[in-house]
Amino acid sequence: MNPLLLAWKASRFLPGSVIRGIAAAGAWIAWLRHGKGVRRMEDNYRRVTGLEGRALRRLSRAGMASAARYYAETFEVAKLSGEQIDARVRCEIPDRIREALESDGRLVVVLGHSGNWDLVGGFTSRNIASVISVAEVLKPREVFDAFVRLREDLGMTILGHEGSSTFRQLIAVGQRQGGILALLADRDLSGDGVVVDFAGHRARVAPGPAALSLALGCRLVPLSVHYERLRGERRRRAKSRWGVVMDFGPFIEAPYEGSNREKVEAMSADWAAWLGEKVREHPEDWHMLQRFGWVDA
């Protein structure tokens, strides 16, 4: 049985403290073994921070601990009450976000692989608007289906990434249902990525958020997510030592002139510049253990 699926099934019967302990131990062992995923994480961290040697290894250790926290929370999130979810997420929702939703009926939100986007999705569905998103189809399919059920239980609508047909589905669902269309886009899965500046380096990111914003005629905004320690009453309500912070960036404006592709490139460059700086501020919460789309040496 796939280890991730086995962990998912076991988590139904284990207390959260045990799940977190197992995840932390697994992350520690993986960090010590210094396998491919950890080496890729360190290469990504080296690029965004400039760190080398022991400092880079300390950062990757913190990054593995953060990634383990995310997976442990994901296994646990189905058991959380709405009050616990709200206590674990800190977000000052700008008036402009609600106004954009009221005006257009929909909003495209672009995120990176930082913090816990499942918690963010649950919080957003409860407190801002319904969430539509896309997830990479994992193997075996049973693992992907388990993640989809989890996110649907949190109030989200999830589409599997199946190539160009997924974009057409997003447009149709966005037009019909409205709400927030949230896309993880720092890692390009489309094969048609846009080259931008990301944290000081040239990298290829997904064109989907900008293209979707143009297709639906609605606003585009980046969102960063990072962890923070919880204390006092909020920690008691959350029943966790950790929570996440949601930070909305500026609206990304489409240029008045140019082809559709040129507009997508310009808008993608703007959100990537903002999100890249947020990754630099909290690199340990950027869970990028995969090959990233760097195009420079």
C-alpha atoms as a PDB file:
ATOM      1  CA  MET A   1       0.000   0.000   0.000  1.00  0.00           C
ATOM      2  CA  ASN A   2       1.182   3.522  -0.760  1.00  0.00           C
ATOM      3  CA  PRO A   3       2.785   5.022   2.424  1.00  0.00           C
ATOM      4  CA  LEU A   4       0.782   8.248   2.109  1.00  0.00           C
ATOM      5  CA  LEU A   5      -2.483   6.346   1.779  1.00  0.00           C
ATOM      6  CA  LEU A   6      -1.537   4.101   4.706  1.00  0.00           C
ATOM      7  CA  ALA A   7      -0.812   7.156   6.856  1.00  0.00           C
ATOM      8  CA  TRP A   8      -4.133   8.703   5.799  1.00  0.00           C
ATOM      9  CA  LYS A   9      -6.102   5.621   6.847  1.00  0.00           C
ATOM     10  CA  ALA A  10      -4.188   5.238  10.127  1.00  0.00           C
ATOM     11  CA  SER A  11      -4.790   8.894  10.993  1.00  0.00           C
ATOM     12  CA  ARG A  12      -8.516   8.208  11.398  1.00  0.00           C
ATOM     13  CA  PHE A  13      -7.791   6.240  14.545  1.00  0.00           C
ATOM     14  CA  LEU A  14      -4.804   8.084  16.008  1.00  0.00           C
ATOM     15  CA  PRO A  15      -4.836  11.220  18.181  1.00  0.00           C
ATOM     16  CA  GLY A  16      -3.402  14.388  16.676  1.00  0.00           C
ATOM     17  CA  SER A  17      -0.379  14.363  18.983  1.00  0.00           C
ATOM     18  CA  VAL A  18       0.642  10.923  17.698  1.00  0.00           C
ATOM     19  CA  ILE A  19       0.182  11.946  14.063  1.00  0.00           C
ATOM     20  CA  ARG A  20       2.318  15.057  14.602  1.00  0.00           C
ATOM     21  CA  GLY A  21       5.000  13.025  16.375  1.00  0.00           C
ATOM     22  CA  ILE A  22       5.199  10.459  13.583  1.00  0.00           C
ATOM     23  CA  ALA A  23       5.328  13.171  10.912  1.00  0.00           C
ATOM     24  CA  ALA A  24       8.070  15.076  12.774  1.00  0.00           C
ATOM     25  CA  ALA A  25      10.137  11.904  13.225  1.00  0.00           C
ATOM     26  CA  GLY A  26       9.760  11.018   9.556  1.00  0.00           C
ATOM     27  CA  ALA A  27      10.854  14.505   8.510  1.00  0.00           C
ATOM     28  CA  TRP A  28      13.895  14.339  10.813  1.00  0.00           C
ATOM     29  CA  ILE A  29      14.964  10.982   9.356  1.00  0.00           C
ATOM     30  CA  ALA A  30      14.461  12.211   5.793  1.00  0.00           C
ATOM     31  CA  TRP A  31      16.537  15.317   6.560  1.00  0.00           C
ATOM     32  CA  LEU A  32      19.353  13.195   8.014  1.00  0.00           C
ATOM     33  CA  ARG A  33      19.357  10.880   4.996  1.00  0.00           C
ATOM     34  CA  HIS A  34      19.650  13.912   2.717  1.00  0.00           C
ATOM     35  CA  GLY A  35      17.801  12.275  -0.145  1.00  0.00           C
ATOM     36  CA  LYS A  36      16.679  13.751  -3.457  1.00  0.00           C
ATOM     37  CA  GLY A  37      13.720  15.691  -2.041  1.00  0.00           C
ATOM     38  CA  VAL A  38      15.807  17.348   0.674  1.00  0.00           C
ATOM     39  CA  ARG A  39      18.586  18.184  -1.800  1.00  0.00           C
ATOM     40  CA  ARG A  40      16.061  19.784  -4.124  1.00  0.00           C
ATOM     41  CA  MET A  41      14.620  21.764  -1.226  1.00  0.00           C
ATOM     42  CA  GLU A  42      18.103  22.999  -0.350  1.00  0.00           C
ATOM     43  CA  ASP A  43      18.788  24.023  -3.949  1.00  0.00           C
ATOM     44  CA  ASN A  44      15.525  25.991  -3.996  1.00  0.00           C
ATOM     45  CA  TYR A  45      16.310  27.589  -0.621  1.00  0.00           C
ATOM     46  CA  ARG A  46      19.855  28.429  -1.724  1.00  0.00           C
ATOM     47  CA  ARG A  47      18.496  30.362  -4.668  1.00  0.00           C
ATOM     48  CA  VAL A  48      15.943  32.407  -2.716  1.00  0.00           C
ATOM     49  CA  THR A  49      18.164  33.108   0.330  1.00  0.00           C
ATOM     50  CA  GLY A  50      21.775  32.877  -0.869  1.00  0.00           C
ATOM     51  CA  LEU A  51      22.611  30.618   2.087  1.00  0.00           C
ATOM     52  CA  GLU A  52      25.257  27.905   1.884  1.00  0.00           C
ATOM     53  CA  GLY A  53      26.743  25.195   4.102  1.00  0.00           C
ATOM     54  CA  ARG A  54      25.519  24.797   7.673  1.00  0.00           C
ATOM     55  CA  ALA A  55      23.138  27.736   7.465  1.00  0.00           C
ATOM     56  CA  LEU A  56      21.438  26.147   4.460  1.00  0.00           C
ATOM     57  CA  ARG A  57      21.241  22.794   6.249  1.00  0.00           C
ATOM     58  CA  ARG A  58      19.623  24.454   9.282  1.00  0.00           C
ATOM     59  CA  LEU A  59      17.093  26.112   7.014  1.00  0.00           C
ATOM     60  CA  SER A  60      16.255  22.842   5.253  1.00  0.00           C
ATOM     61  CA  ARG A  61      15.780  21.176   8.643  1.00  0.00           C
ATOM     62  CA  ALA A  62      13.245  23.876   9.519  1.00  0.00           C
ATOM     63  CA  GLY A  63      11.675  23.442   6.083  1.00  0.00           C
ATOM     64  CA  MET A  64      11.246  19.696   6.571  1.00  0.00           C
ATOM     65  CA  ALA A  65       9.690  20.309   9.987  1.00  0.00           C
ATOM     66  CA  SER A  66       7.261  22.787   8.406  1.00  0.00           C
ATOM     67  CA  ALA A  67       6.354  20.347   5.619  1.00  0.00           C
ATOM     68  CA  ALA A  68       5.779  17.593   8.200  1.00  0.00           C
ATOM     69  CA  ARG A  69       3.526  19.970  10.132  1.00  0.00           C
ATOM     70  CA  TYR A  70       1.489  20.571   6.987  1.00  0.00           C
ATOM     71  CA  TYR A  71       0.966  16.846   6.329  1.00  0.00           C
ATOM     72  CA  ALA A  72       0.120  16.123   9.961  1.00  0.00           C
ATOM     73  CA  GLU A  73      -2.436  18.943   9.958  1.00  0.00           C
ATOM     74  CA  THR A  74      -3.881  17.718   6.674  1.00  0.00           C
ATOM     75  CA  PHE A  75      -4.467  14.281   8.183  1.00  0.00           C
ATOM     76  CA  GLU A  76      -6.044  15.960  11.206  1.00  0.00           C
ATOM     77  CA  VAL A  77      -8.083  18.716   9.562  1.00  0.00           C
ATOM     78  CA  ALA A  78     -11.127  16.546   8.862  1.00  0.00           C
ATOM     79  CA  LYS A  79     -11.571  16.194  12.630  1.00  0.00           C
ATOM     80  CA  LEU A  80     -11.384  19.937  13.355  1.00  0.00           C
ATOM     81  CA  SER A  81     -14.406  22.005  14.264  1.00  0.00           C
ATOM     82  CA  GLY A  82     -15.136  25.264  12.470  1.00  0.00           C
ATOM     83  CA  GLU A  83     -14.056  27.148  15.587  1.00  0.00           C
ATOM     84  CA  GLN A  84     -10.703  25.346  15.612  1.00  0.00           C
ATOM     85  CA  ILE A  85     -10.118  26.136  11.933  1.00  0.00           C
ATOM     86  CA  ASP A  86     -10.913  29.809  12.536  1.00  0.00           C
ATOM     87  CA  ALA A  87      -8.565  29.888  15.531  1.00  0.00           C
ATOM     88  CA  ARG A  88      -5.707  28.381  13.533  1.00  0.00           C
ATOM     89  CA  VAL A  89      -5.922  30.992  10.750  1.00  0.00           C
ATOM     90  CA  ARG A  90      -5.163  34.687  11.199  1.00  0.00           C
ATOM     91  CA  CYS A  91      -6.379  36.939   8.433  1.00  0.00           C
ATOM     92  CA  GLU A  92      -7.420  40.555   8.272  1.00  0.00           C
ATOM     93  CA  ILE A  93      -9.770  40.352   5.299  1.00  0.00           C
ATOM     94  CA  PRO A  94      -9.436  43.628   3.354  1.00  0.00           C
ATOM     95  CA  ASP A  95     -12.646  45.389   2.401  1.00  0.00           C
ATOM     96  CA  ARG A  96     -11.442  45.448  -1.205  1.00  0.00           C
ATOM     97  CA  ILE A  97     -11.595  41.623  -1.312  1.00  0.00           C
ATOM     98  CA  ARG A  98     -15.248  41.526  -0.271  1.00  0.00           C
ATOM     99  CA  GLU A  99     -16.026  44.452  -2.592  1.00  0.00           C
ATOM    100  CA  ALA A 100     -14.441  42.643  -5.555  1.00  0.00           C
ATOM    101  CA  LEU A 101     -16.529  39.554  -4.823  1.00  0.00           C
ATOM    102  CA  GLU A 102     -19.687  41.597  -4.505  1.00  0.00           C
ATOM    103  CA  SER A 103     -18.934  43.487  -7.721  1.00  0.00           C
ATOM    104  CA  ASP A 104     -17.767  40.648  -9.985  1.00  0.00           C
ATOM    105  CA  GLY A 105     -19.162  37.595  -8.202  1.00  0.00           C
ATOM    106  CA  ARG A 106     -15.787  35.888  -8.402  1.00  0.00           C
ATOM    107  CA  LEU A 107     -12.106  36.450  -7.650  1.00  0.00           C
ATOM    108  CA  VAL A 108      -8.945  34.623  -8.776  1.00  0.00           C
ATOM    109  CA  VAL A 109      -6.460  34.069  -5.930  1.00  0.00           C
ATOM    110  CA  VAL A 110      -2.949  32.821  -6.668  1.00  0.00           C
ATOM    111  CA  LEU A 111      -0.888  31.033  -3.992  1.00  0.00           C
ATOM    112  CA  GLY A 112       2.461  29.308  -3.651  1.00  0.00           C
ATOM    113  CA  HIS A 113       3.242  26.012  -1.936  1.00  0.00           C
ATOM    114  CA  SER A 114       3.683  27.670   1.464  1.00  0.00           C
ATOM    115  CA  GLY A 115       2.071  27.086   4.843  1.00  0.00           C
ATOM    116  CA  ASN A 116      -1.131  25.061   4.918  1.00  0.00           C
ATOM    117  CA  TRP A 117      -3.402  25.856   1.985  1.00  0.00           C
ATOM    118  CA  ASP A 118      -5.994  23.287   3.127  1.00  0.00           C
ATOM    119  CA  LEU A 119      -6.559  25.197   6.370  1.00  0.00           C
ATOM    120  CA  VAL A 120      -6.692  28.399   4.351  1.00  0.00           C
ATOM    121  CA  GLY A 121      -9.272  26.873   2.021  1.00  0.00           C
ATOM    122  CA  GLY A 122     -11.434  25.763   4.935  1.00  0.00           C
ATOM    123  CA  PHE A 123     -11.198  29.178   6.577  1.00  0.00           C
ATOM    124  CA  THR A 124     -11.961  30.983   3.318  1.00  0.00           C
ATOM    125  CA  SER A 125     -14.991  28.809   2.607  1.00  0.00           C
ATOM    126  CA  ARG A 126     -16.336  29.586   6.073  1.00  0.00           C
ATOM    127  CA  ASN A 127     -15.552  33.297   6.242  1.00  0.00           C
ATOM    128  CA  ILE A 128     -15.181  34.813   2.772  1.00  0.00           C
ATOM    129  CA  ALA A 129     -16.675  32.824  -0.126  1.00  0.00           C
ATOM    130  CA  SER A 130     -16.907  29.347  -1.622  1.00  0.00           C
ATOM    131  CA  VAL A 131     -13.596  28.050  -2.972  1.00  0.00           C
ATOM    132  CA  ILE A 132     -12.890  26.340  -6.299  1.00  0.00           C
ATOM    133  CA  SER A 133      -9.426  24.911  -6.830  1.00  0.00           C
ATOM    134  CA  VAL A 134      -7.327  22.477  -8.861  1.00  0.00           C
ATOM    135  CA  ALA A 135      -5.199  19.641  -7.482  1.00  0.00           C
ATOM    136  CA  GLU A 136      -2.447  17.614  -9.103  1.00  0.00           C
ATOM    137  CA  VAL A 137      -3.675  14.074  -9.755  1.00  0.00           C
ATOM    138  CA  LEU A 138      -1.549  11.912  -7.454  1.00  0.00           C
ATOM    139  CA  LYS A 139      -0.767   8.231  -7.894  1.00  0.00           C
ATOM    140  CA  PRO A 140      -2.318   5.935  -6.933  1.00  0.00           C
ATOM    141  CA  ARG A 141      -5.654   7.554  -7.759  1.00  0.00           C
ATOM    142  CA  GLU A 142      -6.976   6.520  -4.344  1.00  0.00           C
ATOM    143  CA  VAL A 143      -4.593   9.025  -2.709  1.00  0.00           C
ATOM    144  CA  PHE A 144      -5.847  11.837  -4.938  1.00  0.00           C
ATOM    145  CA  ASP A 145      -9.465  10.885  -4.245  1.00  0.00           C
ATOM    146  CA  ALA A 146      -8.805  10.975  -0.489  1.00  0.00           C
ATOM    147  CA  PHE A 147      -7.392  14.510  -0.735  1.00  0.00           C
ATOM    148  CA  VAL A 148     -10.354  15.602  -2.853  1.00  0.00           C
ATOM    149  CA  ARG A 149     -12.854  14.253  -0.299  1.00  0.00           C
ATOM    150  CA  LEU A 150     -11.011  16.058   2.484  1.00  0.00           C
ATOM    151  CA  ARG A 151     -11.112  19.386   0.667  1.00  0.00           C
ATOM    152  CA  GLU A 152     -14.733  18.943  -0.325  1.00  0.00           C
ATOM    153  CA  ASP A 153     -15.578  18.289   3.329  1.00  0.00           C
ATOM    154  CA  LEU A 154     -13.985  21.673   4.071  1.00  0.00           C
ATOM    155  CA  GLY A 155     -16.372  23.309   1.600  1.00  0.00           C
ATOM    156  CA  MET A 156     -14.159  23.440  -1.490  1.00  0.00           C
ATOM    157  CA  THR A 157     -14.847  22.335  -5.066  1.00  0.00           C
ATOM    158  CA  ILE A 158     -11.800  20.486  -6.444  1.00  0.00           C
ATOM    159  CA  LEU A 159     -10.955  19.737 -10.074  1.00  0.00           C
ATOM    160  CA  GLY A 160      -8.189  17.308 -10.993  1.00  0.00           C
ATOM    161  CA  HIS A 161      -5.436  18.721 -13.195  1.00  0.00           C
ATOM    162  CA  GLU A 162      -6.073  16.947 -16.511  1.00  0.00           C
ATOM    163  CA  GLY A 163      -4.416  19.298 -19.000  1.00  0.00           C
ATOM    164  CA  SER A 164      -6.100  21.975 -21.109  1.00  0.00           C
ATOM    165  CA  SER A 165      -9.595  20.628 -20.363  1.00  0.00           C
ATOM    166  CA  THR A 166      -9.138  21.684 -16.726  1.00  0.00           C
ATOM    167  CA  PHE A 167      -8.906  25.345 -17.732  1.00  0.00           C
ATOM    168  CA  ARG A 168     -12.157  25.086 -19.645  1.00  0.00           C
ATOM    169  CA  GLN A 169     -13.787  23.459 -16.624  1.00  0.00           C
ATOM    170  CA  LEU A 170     -12.527  26.259 -14.398  1.00  0.00           C
ATOM    171  CA  ILE A 171     -14.045  28.882 -16.653  1.00  0.00           C
ATOM    172  CA  ALA A 172     -17.386  27.043 -16.722  1.00  0.00           C
ATOM    173  CA  VAL A 173     -17.491  26.504 -12.948  1.00  0.00           C
ATOM    174  CA  GLY A 174     -16.331  30.053 -12.274  1.00  0.00           C
ATOM    175  CA  GLN A 175     -19.059  31.493 -14.508  1.00  0.00           C
ATOM    176  CA  ARG A 176     -21.746  29.259 -13.066  1.00  0.00           C
ATOM    177  CA  GLN A 177     -20.795  29.126  -9.392  1.00  0.00           C
ATOM    178  CA  GLY A 178     -18.649  32.190  -8.723  1.00  0.00           C
ATOM    179  CA  GLY A 179     -16.701  32.579  -5.497  1.00  0.00           C
ATOM    180  CA  ILE A 180     -12.927  32.334  -5.091  1.00  0.00           C
ATOM    181  CA  LEU A 181     -10.912  30.445  -7.680  1.00  0.00           C
ATOM    182  CA  ALA A 182      -7.703  29.591  -5.809  1.00  0.00           C
ATOM    183  CA  LEU A 183      -4.735  28.272  -7.776  1.00  0.00           C
ATOM    184  CA  LEU A 184      -1.328  27.079  -6.579  1.00  0.00           C
ATOM    185  CA  ALA A 185       0.802  28.462  -9.390  1.00  0.00           C
ATOM    186  CA  ASP A 186       4.431  28.847  -8.318  1.00  0.00           C
ATOM    187  CA  ARG A 187       5.136  25.398  -9.817  1.00  0.00           C
ATOM    188  CA  ASP A 188       4.085  25.137 -13.454  1.00  0.00           C
ATOM    189  CA  LEU A 189       2.286  21.923 -14.434  1.00  0.00           C
ATOM    190  CA  SER A 190       0.843  23.269 -17.667  1.00  0.00           C
ATOM    191  CA  GLY A 191       3.876  22.871 -19.919  1.00  0.00           C
ATOM    192  CA  ASP A 192       3.229  26.415 -21.131  1.00  0.00           C
ATOM    193  CA  GLY A 193       4.705  28.382 -18.257  1.00  0.00           C
ATOM    194  CA  VAL A 194       5.591  32.056 -18.165  1.00  0.00           C
ATOM    195  CA  VAL A 195       9.181  33.070 -17.397  1.00  0.00           C
ATOM    196  CA  VAL A 196       9.248  35.671 -14.598  1.00  0.00           C
ATOM    197  CA  ASP A 197      11.476  36.990 -11.832  1.00  0.00           C
ATOM    198  CA  PHE A 198      10.851  34.952  -8.678  1.00  0.00           C
ATOM    199  CA  ALA A 199      12.850  35.798  -5.555  1.00  0.00           C
ATOM    200  CA  GLY A 200      15.714  37.204  -7.595  1.00  0.00           C
ATOM    201  CA  HIS A 201      15.962  34.443 -10.217  1.00  0.00           C
ATOM    202  CA  ARG A 202      14.328  33.704 -13.535  1.00  0.00           C
ATOM    203  CA  ALA A 203      11.754  30.935 -13.192  1.00  0.00           C
ATOM    204  CA  ARG A 204       8.808  29.456 -15.037  1.00  0.00           C
ATOM    205  CA  VAL A 205       5.414  29.750 -13.306  1.00  0.00           C
ATOM    206  CA  ALA A 206       1.882  28.764 -14.296  1.00  0.00           C
ATOM    207  CA  PRO A 207      -0.010  31.111 -16.637  1.00  0.00           C
ATOM    208  CA  GLY A 208      -3.379  29.872 -15.354  1.00  0.00           C
ATOM    209  CA  PRO A 209      -4.262  32.546 -12.755  1.00  0.00           C
ATOM    210  CA  ALA A 210      -3.727  35.484 -15.095  1.00  0.00           C
ATOM    211  CA  ALA A 211      -5.398  33.729 -18.028  1.00  0.00           C
ATOM    212  CA  LEU A 212      -8.378  32.774 -15.868  1.00  0.00           C
ATOM    213  CA  SER A 213      -8.739  36.325 -14.557  1.00  0.00           C
ATOM    214  CA  LEU A 214      -8.830  37.653 -18.120  1.00  0.00           C
ATOM    215  CA  ALA A 215     -11.242  34.960 -19.298  1.00  0.00           C
ATOM    216  CA  LEU A 216     -13.689  35.588 -16.443  1.00  0.00           C
ATOM    217  CA  GLY A 217     -13.276  39.366 -16.395  1.00  0.00           C
ATOM    218  CA  CYS A 218     -12.560  39.419 -12.659  1.00  0.00           C
ATOM    219  CA  ARG A 219      -9.772  40.596 -10.360  1.00  0.00           C
ATOM    220  CA  LEU A 220      -6.569  38.695  -9.602  1.00  0.00           C
ATOM    221  CA  VAL A 221      -4.817  38.873  -6.226  1.00  0.00           C
ATOM    222  CA  PRO A 222      -1.844  36.951  -4.772  1.00  0.00           C
ATOM    223  CA  LEU A 223      -2.038  35.432  -1.292  1.00  0.00           C
ATOM    224  CA  SER A 224       0.892  34.403   0.899  1.00  0.00           C
ATOM    225  CA  VAL A 225       0.641  31.900   3.752  1.00  0.00           C
ATOM    226  CA  HIS A 226       3.134  31.196   6.526  1.00  0.00           C
ATOM    227  CA  TYR A 227       3.144  29.586   9.941  1.00  0.00           C
ATOM    228  CA  GLU A 228       3.186  31.301  13.321  1.00  0.00           C
ATOM    229  CA  ARG A 229       3.302  30.013  16.901  1.00  0.00           C
ATOM    230  CA  LEU A 230       0.084  30.326  18.863  1.00  0.00           C
ATOM    231  CA  ARG A 231      -0.191  31.376  22.485  1.00  0.00           C
ATOM    232  CA  GLY A 232      -2.795  32.068  25.117  1.00  0.00           C
ATOM    233  CA  GLU A 233      -6.499  31.894  24.380  1.00  0.00           C
ATOM    234  CA  ARG A 234      -6.046  31.418  20.652  1.00  0.00           C
ATOM    235  CA  ARG A 235      -3.826  28.377  21.242  1.00  0.00           C
ATOM    236  CA  ARG A 236      -6.444  26.891  23.564  1.00  0.00           C
ATOM    237  CA  ARG A 237      -9.216  27.423  21.015  1.00  0.00           C
ATOM    238  CA  ALA A 238      -7.071  26.060  18.181  1.00  0.00           C
ATOM    239  CA  LYS A 239      -5.821  23.090  20.226  1.00  0.00           C
ATOM    240  CA  SER A 240      -2.499  23.517  18.458  1.00  0.00           C
ATOM    241  CA  ARG A 241       0.836  25.232  18.983  1.00  0.00           C
ATOM    242  CA  TRP A 242       0.792  26.422  15.373  1.00  0.00           C
ATOM    243  CA  GLY A 243      -1.427  28.495  13.138  1.00  0.00           C
ATOM    244  CA  VAL A 244      -1.101  30.170   9.757  1.00  0.00           C
ATOM    245  CA  VAL A 245      -1.219  33.773   8.589  1.00  0.00           C
ATOM    246  CA  MET A 246      -3.009  34.770   5.368  1.00  0.00           C
ATOM    247  CA  ASP A 247      -1.723  37.942   3.714  1.00  0.00           C
ATOM    248  CA  PHE A 248      -3.482  39.311   0.618  1.00  0.00           C
ATOM    249  CA  GLY A 249      -1.299  41.220  -1.814  1.00  0.00           C
ATOM    250  CA  PRO A 250      -2.253  44.014  -4.189  1.00  0.00           C
ATOM    251  CA  PHE A 251      -4.672  43.511  -7.039  1.00  0.00           C
ATOM    252  CA  ILE A 252      -2.821  42.576 -10.213  1.00  0.00           C
ATOM    253  CA  GLU A 253      -3.937  44.832 -13.031  1.00  0.00           C
ATOM    254  CA  ALA A 254      -4.111  43.787 -16.681  1.00  0.00           C
ATOM    255  CA  PRO A 255      -2.282  46.066 -19.133  1.00  0.00           C
ATOM    256  CA  TYR A 256      -4.561  48.161 -21.339  1.00  0.00           C
ATOM    257  CA  GLU A 257      -2.689  47.202 -24.496  1.00  0.00           C
ATOM    258  CA  GLY A 258      -1.096  44.089 -25.924  1.00  0.00           C
ATOM    259  CA  SER A 259      -2.122  40.595 -26.954  1.00  0.00           C
ATOM    260  CA  ASN A 260      -3.754  38.221 -24.501  1.00  0.00           C
ATOM    261  CA  ARG A 261      -0.430  36.381 -24.116  1.00  0.00           C
ATOM    262  CA  GLU A 262       1.400  39.633 -23.394  1.00  0.00           C
ATOM    263  CA  LYS A 263      -1.182  40.511 -20.742  1.00  0.00           C
ATOM    264  CA  VAL A 264      -0.816  37.070 -19.136  1.00  0.00           C
ATOM    265  CA  GLU A 265       2.971  37.484 -19.070  1.00  0.00           C
ATOM    266  CA  ALA A 266       2.784  40.959 -17.501  1.00  0.00           C
ATOM    267  CA  MET A 267       0.243  39.935 -14.857  1.00  0.00           C
ATOM    268  CA  SER A 268       2.178  36.755 -14.014  1.00  0.00           C
ATOM    269  CA  ALA A 269       5.376  38.777 -13.592  1.00  0.00           C
ATOM    270  CA  ASP A 270       3.606  41.083 -11.117  1.00  0.00           C
ATOM    271  CA  TRP A 271       2.136  38.369  -8.877  1.00  0.00           C
ATOM    272  CA  ALA A 272       5.341  36.325  -9.001  1.00  0.00           C
ATOM    273  CA  ALA A 273       7.448  39.322  -7.930  1.00  0.00           C
ATOM    274  CA  TRP A 274       5.208  39.882  -4.892  1.00  0.00           C
ATOM    275  CA  LEU A 275       4.925  36.204  -3.956  1.00  0.00           C
ATOM    276  CA  GLY A 276       8.651  35.627  -4.427  1.00  0.00           C
ATOM    277  CA  GLU A 277       9.438  38.305  -1.857  1.00  0.00           C
ATOM    278  CA  LYS A 278       7.033  36.658   0.585  1.00  0.00           C
ATOM    279  CA  VAL A 279       8.865  33.354   0.099  1.00  0.00           C
ATOM    280  CA  ARG A 280      12.102  35.151   0.922  1.00  0.00           C
ATOM    281  CA  GLU A 281      10.552  36.404   4.166  1.00  0.00           C
ATOM    282  CA  HIS A 282       9.471  32.897   5.255  1.00  0.00           C
ATOM    283  CA  PRO A 283      11.539  30.430   3.200  1.00  0.00           C
ATOM    284  CA  GLU A 284      11.175  27.597   5.745  1.00  0.00           C
ATOM    285  CA  ASP A 285       7.432  27.438   5.037  1.00  0.00           C
ATOM    286  CA  TRP A 286       7.901  27.065   1.264  1.00  0.00           C
ATOM    287  CA  HIS A 287       7.460  23.308   0.848  1.00  0.00           C
ATOM    288  CA  MET A 288       9.232  22.958  -2.469  1.00  0.00           C
ATOM    289  CA  LEU A 289      10.854  19.517  -2.386  1.00  0.00           C
ATOM    290  CA  GLN A 290      10.232  19.060  -6.111  1.00  0.00           C
ATOM    291  CA  ARG A 291      12.175  20.386  -9.050  1.00  0.00           C
ATOM    292  CA  PHE A 292      11.213  24.047  -9.429  1.00  0.00           C
ATOM    293  CA  GLY A 293      10.998  25.918 -12.716  1.00  0.00           C
ATOM    294  CA  TRP A 294      14.326  27.751 -12.530  1.00  0.00           C
ATOM    295  CA  VAL A 295      15.602  28.722 -15.949  1.00  0.00           C
ATOM    296  CA  ASP A 296      18.912  30.275 -14.902  1.00  0.00           C
ATOM    297  CA  ALA A 297      21.981  28.352 -13.739  1.00  0.00           C
END
